[in-house]
């Protein structure tokens, strides 16, 4: 019986970009037209996350409003109970001066995150905030946070780097851009088996 990968997403536009690229998955995008004004208590996270493989979020979402911050925090808590693994996109927010605030939320919740995914611009900026060389940042964050996978996509080189608990992987993907690669990777990873070989196979097929 073929496995149908289920992905739930919540937040800003970059999240929908990833989900739209997950062509072979069952997608549930929690669509909130105005993140600055909504009742976060109306989202039934338990039922939406039941049976899902992934919960995709963005570091920038929490900057939209207190309700957006509360909703994102609640989704991560329910994900721990319902089973999906949390993917956090770390990107430069619309107001770059608030990146440190968004990153602070990620650090507070890092033990709930299974996969940290950095855009190229965010990787450089976070390296500066943390005072860590960009070339070693992914591995340093993985070790500090005990995060199973920490990923960086360098659009300028079209290269993906994955630091994980069993080693690392780097390669040139077939995908045209970062969102497309991640969407495809999330579809492939549950199908390719556990461990370093599964990560490598999934990454190479994207």
N, C-alpha and C. Protein backbone atom coordinates (compact mmCIF):
# COMPACT_ATOMS: atom_id res chain seq x y z
N UNK A 1 0.84 -1.20 0.00
CA UNK A 1 0.00 0.00 0.00
C UNK A 1 0.88 1.24 0.00
N UNK A 2 0.63 2.14 -0.93
CA UNK A 2 1.46 3.34 -1.06
C UNK A 2 1.19 4.31 0.09
N UNK A 3 2.29 4.85 0.64
CA UNK A 3 2.18 5.81 1.72
C UNK A 3 1.81 7.19 1.17
N UNK A 4 0.77 7.79 1.73
CA UNK A 4 0.39 9.14 1.36
C UNK A 4 0.94 10.08 2.43
N UNK A 5 1.88 10.94 2.05
CA UNK A 5 2.48 11.87 2.99
C UNK A 5 1.52 13.03 3.24
N UNK A 6 1.23 13.29 4.51
CA UNK A 6 0.34 14.39 4.89
C UNK A 6 1.15 15.52 5.49
N UNK A 7 0.93 16.74 4.97
CA UNK A 7 1.66 17.91 5.45
C UNK A 7 0.66 19.00 5.84
N UNK A 8 0.82 19.52 7.05
CA UNK A 8 0.00 20.63 7.54
C UNK A 8 0.90 21.86 7.61
N UNK A 9 0.39 22.99 7.15
CA UNK A 9 1.18 24.22 7.19
C UNK A 9 0.40 25.37 7.79
N UNK A 10 1.11 26.28 8.43
CA UNK A 10 0.49 27.46 9.01
C UNK A 10 1.46 28.62 8.95
N UNK A 11 0.95 29.80 8.54
CA UNK A 11 1.79 30.98 8.63
C UNK A 11 1.88 31.82 7.38
N UNK A 12 3.02 32.45 7.22
CA UNK A 12 3.24 33.43 6.15
C UNK A 12 3.41 32.75 4.79
N UNK A 13 3.59 33.57 3.77
CA UNK A 13 3.57 33.10 2.39
C UNK A 13 4.60 32.02 2.08
N UNK A 14 5.76 32.08 2.70
CA UNK A 14 6.80 31.09 2.41
C UNK A 14 6.35 29.67 2.74
N UNK A 15 5.49 29.53 3.74
CA UNK A 15 4.97 28.20 4.10
C UNK A 15 4.12 27.65 2.97
N UNK A 16 3.23 28.48 2.42
CA UNK A 16 2.38 28.01 1.32
C UNK A 16 3.23 27.69 0.10
N UNK A 17 4.35 28.38 -0.09
CA UNK A 17 5.24 28.08 -1.20
C UNK A 17 5.80 26.67 -1.11
N UNK A 18 6.15 26.26 0.09
CA UNK A 18 6.67 24.90 0.30
C UNK A 18 5.57 23.88 0.08
N UNK A 19 4.40 24.12 0.65
CA UNK A 19 3.30 23.16 0.51
C UNK A 19 2.85 23.03 -0.93
N UNK A 20 2.85 24.13 -1.67
CA UNK A 20 2.46 24.07 -3.08
C UNK A 20 3.43 23.26 -3.92
N UNK A 21 4.65 23.10 -3.43
CA UNK A 21 5.65 22.31 -4.15
C UNK A 21 5.63 20.83 -3.78
N UNK A 22 4.86 20.50 -2.74
CA UNK A 22 4.74 19.11 -2.29
C UNK A 22 3.64 18.43 -3.10
N UNK A 23 3.92 18.19 -4.37
CA UNK A 23 2.88 17.77 -5.32
C UNK A 23 2.28 16.40 -5.02
N UNK A 24 3.03 15.51 -4.41
CA UNK A 24 2.55 14.15 -4.18
C UNK A 24 1.99 13.94 -2.78
N UNK A 25 1.81 15.03 -2.04
CA UNK A 25 1.36 14.92 -0.66
C UNK A 25 -0.09 15.36 -0.51
N UNK A 26 -0.67 14.97 0.62
CA UNK A 26 -1.98 15.46 1.02
C UNK A 26 -1.74 16.73 1.84
N UNK A 27 -2.24 17.86 1.35
CA UNK A 27 -1.89 19.16 1.92
C UNK A 27 -3.05 19.75 2.72
N UNK A 28 -2.74 20.30 3.88
CA UNK A 28 -3.71 21.03 4.68
C UNK A 28 -3.06 22.34 5.11
N UNK A 29 -3.33 23.41 4.37
CA UNK A 29 -2.80 24.72 4.71
C UNK A 29 -3.83 25.45 5.56
N UNK A 30 -3.47 25.75 6.79
CA UNK A 30 -4.36 26.48 7.68
C UNK A 30 -4.35 27.94 7.22
N UNK A 31 -5.35 28.29 6.43
CA UNK A 31 -5.35 29.61 5.78
C UNK A 31 -6.02 30.65 6.66
N UNK A 32 -5.25 31.64 7.07
CA UNK A 32 -5.75 32.77 7.85
C UNK A 32 -5.53 34.02 7.00
N UNK A 33 -6.60 34.62 6.47
CA UNK A 33 -6.44 35.78 5.58
C UNK A 33 -5.68 36.94 6.22
N UNK A 34 -5.90 37.15 7.52
CA UNK A 34 -5.26 38.27 8.20
C UNK A 34 -4.65 37.78 9.51
N UNK A 35 -3.34 37.52 9.51
CA UNK A 35 -2.68 37.00 10.69
C UNK A 35 -2.62 38.01 11.83
N UNK A 36 -2.88 39.27 11.51
CA UNK A 36 -2.84 40.29 12.55
C UNK A 36 -4.14 40.37 13.33
N UNK A 37 -5.19 39.69 12.84
CA UNK A 37 -6.49 39.80 13.48
C UNK A 37 -7.30 38.53 13.29
N UNK A 38 -7.18 37.59 14.20
CA UNK A 38 -7.96 36.35 14.17
C UNK A 38 -7.96 35.74 15.56
N UNK A 39 -8.85 34.78 15.78
CA UNK A 39 -8.95 34.09 17.06
C UNK A 39 -8.20 32.77 16.98
N UNK A 40 -7.03 32.73 17.58
CA UNK A 40 -6.20 31.52 17.47
C UNK A 40 -6.85 30.30 18.12
N UNK A 41 -7.80 30.53 19.04
CA UNK A 41 -8.46 29.42 19.70
C UNK A 41 -9.42 28.66 18.81
N UNK A 42 -9.74 29.23 17.66
CA UNK A 42 -10.68 28.56 16.75
C UNK A 42 -10.00 27.48 15.89
N UNK A 43 -8.69 27.40 15.91
CA UNK A 43 -7.98 26.38 15.13
C UNK A 43 -7.95 25.08 15.92
N UNK A 44 -8.52 24.04 15.36
CA UNK A 44 -8.55 22.72 16.02
C UNK A 44 -7.29 21.95 15.61
N UNK A 45 -6.21 22.20 16.34
CA UNK A 45 -4.93 21.59 15.97
C UNK A 45 -4.96 20.07 16.13
N UNK A 46 -5.66 19.58 17.12
CA UNK A 46 -5.67 18.13 17.35
C UNK A 46 -6.18 17.37 16.13
N UNK A 47 -7.32 17.81 15.60
CA UNK A 47 -7.89 17.10 14.45
C UNK A 47 -7.09 17.35 13.17
N UNK A 48 -6.53 18.54 13.03
CA UNK A 48 -5.79 18.85 11.80
C UNK A 48 -4.46 18.10 11.76
N UNK A 49 -3.85 17.89 12.90
CA UNK A 49 -2.53 17.25 12.94
C UNK A 49 -2.59 15.73 13.05
N UNK A 50 -3.74 15.19 13.35
CA UNK A 50 -3.88 13.74 13.49
C UNK A 50 -3.50 13.04 12.19
N UNK A 51 -2.55 12.13 12.26
CA UNK A 51 -2.14 11.36 11.09
C UNK A 51 -1.20 12.08 10.14
N UNK A 52 -0.80 13.31 10.47
CA UNK A 52 0.10 14.06 9.60
C UNK A 52 1.56 13.64 9.81
N UNK A 53 2.36 13.76 8.74
CA UNK A 53 3.79 13.49 8.84
C UNK A 53 4.57 14.74 9.27
N UNK A 54 4.13 15.90 8.74
CA UNK A 54 4.90 17.14 8.94
C UNK A 54 3.99 18.29 9.32
N UNK A 55 4.51 19.19 10.15
CA UNK A 55 3.91 20.49 10.42
C UNK A 55 4.93 21.53 9.98
N UNK A 56 4.60 22.34 8.98
CA UNK A 56 5.53 23.31 8.43
C UNK A 56 5.17 24.71 8.92
N UNK A 57 6.15 25.39 9.53
CA UNK A 57 5.96 26.71 10.11
C UNK A 57 7.09 27.64 9.65
N UNK A 58 6.95 28.92 9.96
CA UNK A 58 7.99 29.90 9.64
C UNK A 58 8.32 30.73 10.86
N UNK A 59 9.59 31.07 11.00
CA UNK A 59 10.02 31.93 12.10
C UNK A 59 9.37 33.30 12.02
N UNK A 60 9.04 33.77 10.82
CA UNK A 60 8.48 35.11 10.64
C UNK A 60 7.03 35.22 11.08
N UNK A 61 6.32 34.11 11.14
CA UNK A 61 4.89 34.14 11.44
C UNK A 61 4.60 34.79 12.78
N UNK A 62 5.43 34.52 13.76
CA UNK A 62 5.14 35.01 15.12
C UNK A 62 5.23 36.53 15.21
N UNK A 63 5.81 37.17 14.22
CA UNK A 63 5.92 38.63 14.21
C UNK A 63 4.63 39.31 13.77
N UNK A 64 3.69 38.53 13.23
CA UNK A 64 2.45 39.09 12.69
C UNK A 64 1.54 39.64 13.78
N UNK A 65 1.48 38.94 14.92
CA UNK A 65 0.60 39.36 16.01
C UNK A 65 0.79 38.42 17.19
N UNK A 66 0.25 38.82 18.35
CA UNK A 66 0.29 37.93 19.52
C UNK A 66 -0.51 36.66 19.25
N UNK A 67 -1.63 36.77 18.52
CA UNK A 67 -2.43 35.60 18.19
C UNK A 67 -1.67 34.64 17.29
N UNK A 68 -0.92 35.18 16.34
CA UNK A 68 -0.12 34.33 15.46
C UNK A 68 0.95 33.60 16.26
N UNK A 69 1.56 34.30 17.20
CA UNK A 69 2.57 33.67 18.07
C UNK A 69 1.93 32.55 18.89
N UNK A 70 0.75 32.83 19.46
CA UNK A 70 0.06 31.82 20.27
C UNK A 70 -0.36 30.62 19.44
N UNK A 71 -0.86 30.88 18.23
CA UNK A 71 -1.30 29.79 17.36
C UNK A 71 -0.12 28.91 16.97
N UNK A 72 1.00 29.54 16.65
CA UNK A 72 2.17 28.75 16.26
C UNK A 72 2.70 27.93 17.43
N UNK A 73 2.73 28.53 18.60
CA UNK A 73 3.16 27.78 19.78
C UNK A 73 2.25 26.61 20.07
N UNK A 74 0.93 26.83 19.94
CA UNK A 74 -0.04 25.75 20.20
C UNK A 74 0.13 24.64 19.18
N UNK A 75 0.37 24.98 17.93
CA UNK A 75 0.53 23.94 16.90
C UNK A 75 1.71 23.04 17.20
N UNK A 76 2.80 23.64 17.70
CA UNK A 76 4.00 22.85 18.03
C UNK A 76 3.75 21.94 19.22
N UNK A 77 3.00 22.42 20.18
CA UNK A 77 2.67 21.61 21.36
C UNK A 77 1.79 20.43 20.97
N UNK A 78 0.76 20.68 20.16
CA UNK A 78 -0.11 19.59 19.71
C UNK A 78 0.64 18.61 18.82
N UNK A 79 1.60 19.11 18.04
CA UNK A 79 2.38 18.22 17.17
C UNK A 79 3.15 17.20 18.00
N UNK A 80 3.62 17.61 19.17
CA UNK A 80 4.34 16.67 20.03
C UNK A 80 3.44 15.50 20.45
N UNK A 81 2.17 15.78 20.67
CA UNK A 81 1.23 14.75 21.12
C UNK A 81 0.66 13.95 19.95
N UNK A 82 0.42 14.60 18.82
CA UNK A 82 -0.24 13.94 17.69
C UNK A 82 0.72 13.24 16.75
N UNK A 83 2.01 13.56 16.81
CA UNK A 83 2.97 12.79 16.04
C UNK A 83 3.71 13.44 14.89
N UNK A 84 3.15 14.47 14.21
CA UNK A 84 3.91 15.05 13.10
C UNK A 84 5.18 15.73 13.57
N UNK A 85 6.17 15.75 12.70
CA UNK A 85 7.44 16.40 13.03
C UNK A 85 7.40 17.84 12.54
N UNK A 86 7.90 18.73 13.36
CA UNK A 86 7.83 20.15 13.06
C UNK A 86 9.01 20.61 12.22
N UNK A 87 8.70 21.29 11.12
CA UNK A 87 9.70 21.89 10.24
C UNK A 87 9.61 23.40 10.41
N UNK A 88 10.72 24.05 10.74
CA UNK A 88 10.72 25.50 10.92
C UNK A 88 11.58 26.16 9.84
N UNK A 89 10.93 27.01 9.04
CA UNK A 89 11.64 27.79 8.03
C UNK A 89 12.18 29.05 8.70
N UNK A 90 13.48 29.24 8.62
CA UNK A 90 14.09 30.44 9.18
C UNK A 90 14.45 31.35 8.02
N UNK A 91 13.82 32.53 8.00
CA UNK A 91 13.97 33.44 6.87
C UNK A 91 14.08 34.87 7.37
N UNK A 92 14.47 35.77 6.48
CA UNK A 92 14.50 37.19 6.83
C UNK A 92 13.07 37.73 6.81
N UNK A 93 12.59 38.30 7.91
CA UNK A 93 11.22 38.83 7.91
C UNK A 93 11.10 40.12 7.09
N UNK A 94 9.88 40.55 6.87
CA UNK A 94 9.66 41.79 6.11
C UNK A 94 10.40 42.96 6.73
N UNK A 95 10.41 43.00 8.04
CA UNK A 95 11.21 43.99 8.76
C UNK A 95 12.46 43.28 9.27
N UNK A 96 13.57 43.40 8.55
CA UNK A 96 14.78 42.65 8.93
C UNK A 96 15.26 42.93 10.35
N UNK A 97 14.90 44.10 10.89
CA UNK A 97 15.34 44.44 12.24
C UNK A 97 14.72 43.53 13.29
N UNK A 98 13.66 42.80 12.91
CA UNK A 98 12.98 41.92 13.87
C UNK A 98 13.44 40.46 13.75
N UNK A 99 14.48 40.22 12.98
CA UNK A 99 14.98 38.84 12.83
C UNK A 99 15.40 38.26 14.17
N UNK A 100 16.07 39.05 14.99
CA UNK A 100 16.54 38.53 16.27
C UNK A 100 15.38 38.10 17.16
N UNK A 101 14.27 38.84 17.09
CA UNK A 101 13.08 38.47 17.85
C UNK A 101 12.51 37.14 17.36
N UNK A 102 12.43 36.99 16.04
CA UNK A 102 11.92 35.74 15.47
C UNK A 102 12.84 34.58 15.81
N UNK A 103 14.14 34.80 15.76
CA UNK A 103 15.11 33.75 16.07
C UNK A 103 15.03 33.37 17.55
N UNK A 104 14.72 34.35 18.40
CA UNK A 104 14.56 34.06 19.82
C UNK A 104 13.44 33.07 20.08
N UNK A 105 12.33 33.21 19.32
CA UNK A 105 11.22 32.25 19.44
C UNK A 105 11.68 30.85 19.05
N UNK A 106 12.46 30.77 17.97
CA UNK A 106 12.97 29.47 17.52
C UNK A 106 13.83 28.83 18.60
N UNK A 107 14.72 29.61 19.18
CA UNK A 107 15.61 29.09 20.22
C UNK A 107 14.80 28.58 21.42
N UNK A 108 13.77 29.34 21.81
CA UNK A 108 12.92 28.93 22.95
C UNK A 108 12.24 27.59 22.70
N UNK A 109 11.93 27.30 21.44
CA UNK A 109 11.15 26.11 21.09
C UNK A 109 11.99 25.05 20.38
N UNK A 110 13.29 25.18 20.38
CA UNK A 110 14.12 24.37 19.49
C UNK A 110 14.01 22.87 19.78
N UNK A 111 13.71 22.50 21.00
CA UNK A 111 13.59 21.07 21.34
C UNK A 111 12.32 20.46 20.75
N UNK A 112 11.41 21.29 20.28
CA UNK A 112 10.19 20.80 19.64
C UNK A 112 10.33 20.71 18.12
N UNK A 113 11.48 21.12 17.61
CA UNK A 113 11.67 21.21 16.16
C UNK A 113 12.49 20.02 15.67
N UNK A 114 11.98 19.36 14.63
CA UNK A 114 12.69 18.23 14.05
C UNK A 114 13.60 18.67 12.91
N UNK A 115 13.19 19.69 12.18
CA UNK A 115 13.96 20.13 11.02
C UNK A 115 14.00 21.66 10.98
N UNK A 116 15.21 22.22 11.04
CA UNK A 116 15.41 23.66 10.88
C UNK A 116 15.93 23.91 9.48
N UNK A 117 15.27 24.81 8.76
CA UNK A 117 15.61 25.06 7.36
C UNK A 117 15.91 26.55 7.18
N UNK A 118 17.13 26.88 6.79
CA UNK A 118 17.57 28.26 6.64
C UNK A 118 17.64 28.68 5.18
N UNK A 119 17.06 29.84 4.87
CA UNK A 119 17.33 30.44 3.57
C UNK A 119 18.77 30.96 3.59
N UNK A 120 19.30 31.22 2.42
CA UNK A 120 20.70 31.67 2.33
C UNK A 120 20.90 32.99 3.08
N UNK A 121 19.97 33.92 2.93
CA UNK A 121 20.10 35.23 3.57
C UNK A 121 20.01 35.10 5.09
N UNK A 122 19.11 34.25 5.56
CA UNK A 122 18.94 34.07 6.99
C UNK A 122 20.16 33.39 7.61
N UNK A 123 20.77 32.47 6.88
CA UNK A 123 21.94 31.77 7.39
C UNK A 123 23.06 32.76 7.70
N UNK A 124 23.29 33.70 6.80
CA UNK A 124 24.33 34.71 7.02
C UNK A 124 23.99 35.60 8.20
N UNK A 125 22.72 36.02 8.28
CA UNK A 125 22.31 36.92 9.35
C UNK A 125 22.35 36.25 10.72
N UNK A 126 21.92 34.99 10.79
CA UNK A 126 21.93 34.27 12.07
C UNK A 126 23.37 33.99 12.50
N UNK A 127 24.25 33.72 11.55
CA UNK A 127 25.66 33.52 11.88
C UNK A 127 26.23 34.76 12.55
N UNK A 128 25.82 35.93 12.07
CA UNK A 128 26.28 37.19 12.67
C UNK A 128 25.69 37.38 14.05
N UNK A 129 24.40 37.08 14.21
CA UNK A 129 23.76 37.20 15.53
C UNK A 129 24.43 36.29 16.55
N UNK A 130 24.71 35.05 16.14
CA UNK A 130 25.26 34.06 17.05
C UNK A 130 26.78 34.16 17.21
N UNK A 131 27.42 34.94 16.34
CA UNK A 131 28.87 35.05 16.39
C UNK A 131 29.57 33.77 16.01
N UNK A 132 28.97 33.05 15.05
CA UNK A 132 29.52 31.77 14.58
C UNK A 132 29.83 31.89 13.10
N UNK A 133 30.92 31.30 12.67
CA UNK A 133 31.26 31.31 11.25
C UNK A 133 30.16 30.63 10.45
N UNK A 134 29.78 31.24 9.34
CA UNK A 134 28.68 30.72 8.52
C UNK A 134 28.93 29.28 8.08
N UNK A 135 30.18 28.93 7.84
CA UNK A 135 30.51 27.59 7.33
C UNK A 135 30.25 26.49 8.35
N UNK A 136 30.23 26.84 9.64
CA UNK A 136 30.01 25.83 10.69
C UNK A 136 28.69 26.02 11.42
N UNK A 137 27.89 27.01 11.01
CA UNK A 137 26.68 27.33 11.75
C UNK A 137 25.69 26.17 11.81
N UNK A 138 25.45 25.51 10.68
CA UNK A 138 24.46 24.43 10.66
C UNK A 138 24.81 23.35 11.68
N UNK A 139 26.06 22.94 11.70
CA UNK A 139 26.47 21.89 12.62
C UNK A 139 26.43 22.37 14.06
N UNK A 140 26.84 23.61 14.31
CA UNK A 140 26.82 24.16 15.67
C UNK A 140 25.40 24.19 16.22
N UNK A 141 24.47 24.64 15.40
CA UNK A 141 23.07 24.72 15.85
C UNK A 141 22.51 23.33 16.08
N UNK A 142 22.85 22.39 15.22
CA UNK A 142 22.36 21.02 15.41
C UNK A 142 22.86 20.45 16.73
N UNK A 143 24.12 20.69 17.05
CA UNK A 143 24.68 20.17 18.28
C UNK A 143 24.10 20.86 19.51
N UNK A 144 23.95 22.17 19.43
CA UNK A 144 23.42 22.92 20.57
C UNK A 144 21.97 22.56 20.86
N UNK A 145 21.17 22.48 19.81
CA UNK A 145 19.75 22.26 20.00
C UNK A 145 19.34 20.80 19.93
N UNK A 146 20.29 19.91 19.63
CA UNK A 146 20.00 18.49 19.44
C UNK A 146 18.89 18.31 18.40
N UNK A 147 18.92 19.16 17.38
CA UNK A 147 17.91 19.12 16.32
C UNK A 147 18.28 18.02 15.32
N UNK A 148 17.35 17.10 15.03
CA UNK A 148 17.68 15.99 14.13
C UNK A 148 18.22 16.40 12.77
N UNK A 149 17.64 17.44 12.16
CA UNK A 149 18.14 17.90 10.86
C UNK A 149 18.20 19.43 10.83
N UNK A 150 19.35 19.95 10.40
CA UNK A 150 19.51 21.39 10.19
C UNK A 150 19.99 21.57 8.76
N UNK A 151 19.24 22.36 7.98
CA UNK A 151 19.45 22.41 6.53
C UNK A 151 19.66 23.85 6.08
N UNK A 152 20.60 24.02 5.16
CA UNK A 152 20.81 25.32 4.53
C UNK A 152 20.75 25.17 3.02
N UNK A 153 20.02 26.07 2.38
CA UNK A 153 19.93 26.07 0.91
C UNK A 153 20.57 27.35 0.40
N UNK A 154 21.66 27.20 -0.34
CA UNK A 154 22.35 28.34 -0.93
C UNK A 154 21.88 28.53 -2.37
N UNK A 155 20.98 29.47 -2.54
CA UNK A 155 20.42 29.69 -3.88
C UNK A 155 21.48 30.14 -4.87
N UNK A 156 22.46 30.92 -4.41
CA UNK A 156 23.48 31.43 -5.32
C UNK A 156 24.32 30.30 -5.92
N UNK A 157 24.57 29.27 -5.13
CA UNK A 157 25.33 28.11 -5.61
C UNK A 157 24.42 26.96 -6.01
N UNK A 158 23.12 27.12 -5.70
CA UNK A 158 22.14 26.05 -5.87
C UNK A 158 22.64 24.76 -5.21
N UNK A 159 22.98 24.91 -3.95
CA UNK A 159 23.52 23.79 -3.17
C UNK A 159 22.75 23.64 -1.88
N UNK A 160 22.47 22.40 -1.51
CA UNK A 160 21.81 22.12 -0.25
C UNK A 160 22.79 21.40 0.67
N UNK A 161 22.78 21.79 1.94
CA UNK A 161 23.61 21.14 2.95
C UNK A 161 22.72 20.69 4.10
N UNK A 162 22.88 19.44 4.50
CA UNK A 162 22.08 18.87 5.58
C UNK A 162 23.00 18.34 6.67
N UNK A 163 22.87 18.86 7.86
CA UNK A 163 23.56 18.31 9.03
C UNK A 163 22.52 17.50 9.81
N UNK A 164 22.84 16.25 10.11
CA UNK A 164 21.90 15.41 10.84
C UNK A 164 22.63 14.59 11.88
N UNK A 165 21.89 13.88 12.69
CA UNK A 165 22.48 13.20 13.85
C UNK A 165 23.43 12.08 13.47
N UNK A 166 23.40 11.64 12.22
CA UNK A 166 24.28 10.54 11.78
C UNK A 166 25.34 11.00 10.79
N UNK A 167 25.45 12.30 10.58
CA UNK A 167 26.47 12.80 9.66
C UNK A 167 26.00 14.02 8.91
N UNK A 168 26.35 14.10 7.63
CA UNK A 168 25.93 15.24 6.84
C UNK A 168 25.84 14.86 5.37
N UNK A 169 25.18 15.74 4.62
CA UNK A 169 25.02 15.54 3.18
C UNK A 169 25.09 16.90 2.51
N UNK A 170 25.72 16.96 1.35
CA UNK A 170 25.68 18.17 0.53
C UNK A 170 25.58 17.75 -0.92
N UNK A 171 24.85 18.55 -1.71
CA UNK A 171 24.69 18.20 -3.11
C UNK A 171 23.99 19.30 -3.88
N UNK A 172 23.95 19.13 -5.19
CA UNK A 172 23.28 20.06 -6.09
C UNK A 172 21.94 19.46 -6.46
N UNK A 173 20.84 20.03 -6.01
CA UNK A 173 19.52 19.43 -6.27
C UNK A 173 19.01 19.72 -7.68
N UNK A 174 18.01 18.96 -8.07
CA UNK A 174 17.36 19.18 -9.36
C UNK A 174 16.31 20.29 -9.29
N UNK A 175 15.81 20.55 -8.10
CA UNK A 175 14.76 21.54 -7.92
C UNK A 175 15.23 22.92 -8.36
N UNK A 176 14.28 23.73 -8.83
CA UNK A 176 14.62 25.05 -9.35
C UNK A 176 14.88 26.08 -8.26
N UNK A 177 14.28 25.89 -7.09
CA UNK A 177 14.48 26.87 -6.02
C UNK A 177 14.33 26.20 -4.66
N UNK A 178 14.55 26.98 -3.60
CA UNK A 178 14.56 26.44 -2.25
C UNK A 178 13.21 25.87 -1.83
N UNK A 179 12.13 26.59 -2.11
CA UNK A 179 10.80 26.12 -1.71
C UNK A 179 10.45 24.81 -2.40
N UNK A 180 10.77 24.73 -3.67
CA UNK A 180 10.48 23.52 -4.43
C UNK A 180 11.26 22.34 -3.87
N UNK A 181 12.53 22.56 -3.56
CA UNK A 181 13.34 21.46 -3.02
C UNK A 181 12.77 20.95 -1.70
N UNK A 182 12.44 21.88 -0.79
CA UNK A 182 11.96 21.45 0.52
C UNK A 182 10.63 20.73 0.41
N UNK A 183 9.72 21.24 -0.44
CA UNK A 183 8.44 20.58 -0.63
C UNK A 183 8.61 19.15 -1.12
N UNK A 184 9.52 18.95 -2.06
CA UNK A 184 9.77 17.62 -2.59
C UNK A 184 10.48 16.73 -1.56
N UNK A 185 11.40 17.32 -0.81
CA UNK A 185 12.14 16.57 0.21
C UNK A 185 11.20 16.03 1.28
N UNK A 186 10.24 16.85 1.70
CA UNK A 186 9.29 16.40 2.72
C UNK A 186 8.41 15.27 2.21
N UNK A 187 8.17 15.25 0.90
CA UNK A 187 7.40 14.14 0.31
C UNK A 187 8.23 12.86 0.26
N UNK A 188 9.51 13.01 -0.03
CA UNK A 188 10.38 11.84 -0.22
C UNK A 188 10.86 11.22 1.09
N UNK A 189 11.13 12.04 2.09
CA UNK A 189 11.79 11.55 3.29
C UNK A 189 11.06 10.39 3.98
N UNK A 190 9.73 10.46 4.15
CA UNK A 190 9.05 9.32 4.81
C UNK A 190 9.05 8.04 3.97
N UNK A 191 9.36 8.16 2.69
CA UNK A 191 9.30 7.00 1.80
C UNK A 191 10.64 6.29 1.63
N UNK A 192 11.74 6.93 2.04
CA UNK A 192 13.07 6.43 1.72
C UNK A 192 13.74 5.66 2.86
N UNK A 193 13.04 5.46 3.95
CA UNK A 193 13.62 4.68 5.04
C UNK A 193 14.41 5.56 5.99
N UNK A 194 14.74 5.00 7.16
CA UNK A 194 15.40 5.78 8.21
C UNK A 194 16.90 5.91 7.98
N UNK A 195 17.52 6.76 8.81
CA UNK A 195 18.97 6.86 8.84
C UNK A 195 19.56 7.72 7.76
N UNK A 196 20.90 7.70 7.72
CA UNK A 196 21.64 8.54 6.78
C UNK A 196 21.33 8.19 5.33
N UNK A 197 21.14 6.91 5.04
CA UNK A 197 20.83 6.50 3.66
C UNK A 197 19.49 7.06 3.21
N UNK A 198 18.51 7.05 4.10
CA UNK A 198 17.21 7.59 3.76
C UNK A 198 17.27 9.08 3.47
N UNK A 199 18.03 9.81 4.27
CA UNK A 199 18.19 11.25 4.07
C UNK A 199 18.87 11.52 2.74
N UNK A 200 19.93 10.78 2.44
CA UNK A 200 20.66 10.96 1.19
C UNK A 200 19.79 10.65 -0.02
N UNK A 201 19.07 9.55 0.03
CA UNK A 201 18.20 9.17 -1.10
C UNK A 201 17.12 10.21 -1.33
N UNK A 202 16.51 10.68 -0.23
CA UNK A 202 15.45 11.67 -0.35
C UNK A 202 15.98 12.97 -0.95
N UNK A 203 17.15 13.40 -0.47
CA UNK A 203 17.74 14.65 -0.96
C UNK A 203 18.13 14.55 -2.43
N UNK A 204 18.65 13.41 -2.83
CA UNK A 204 19.11 13.23 -4.21
C UNK A 204 17.96 13.16 -5.20
N UNK A 205 16.77 12.78 -4.73
CA UNK A 205 15.63 12.65 -5.63
C UNK A 205 14.91 13.98 -5.86
N UNK A 206 15.38 15.04 -5.19
CA UNK A 206 14.68 16.34 -5.26
C UNK A 206 15.41 17.31 -6.19
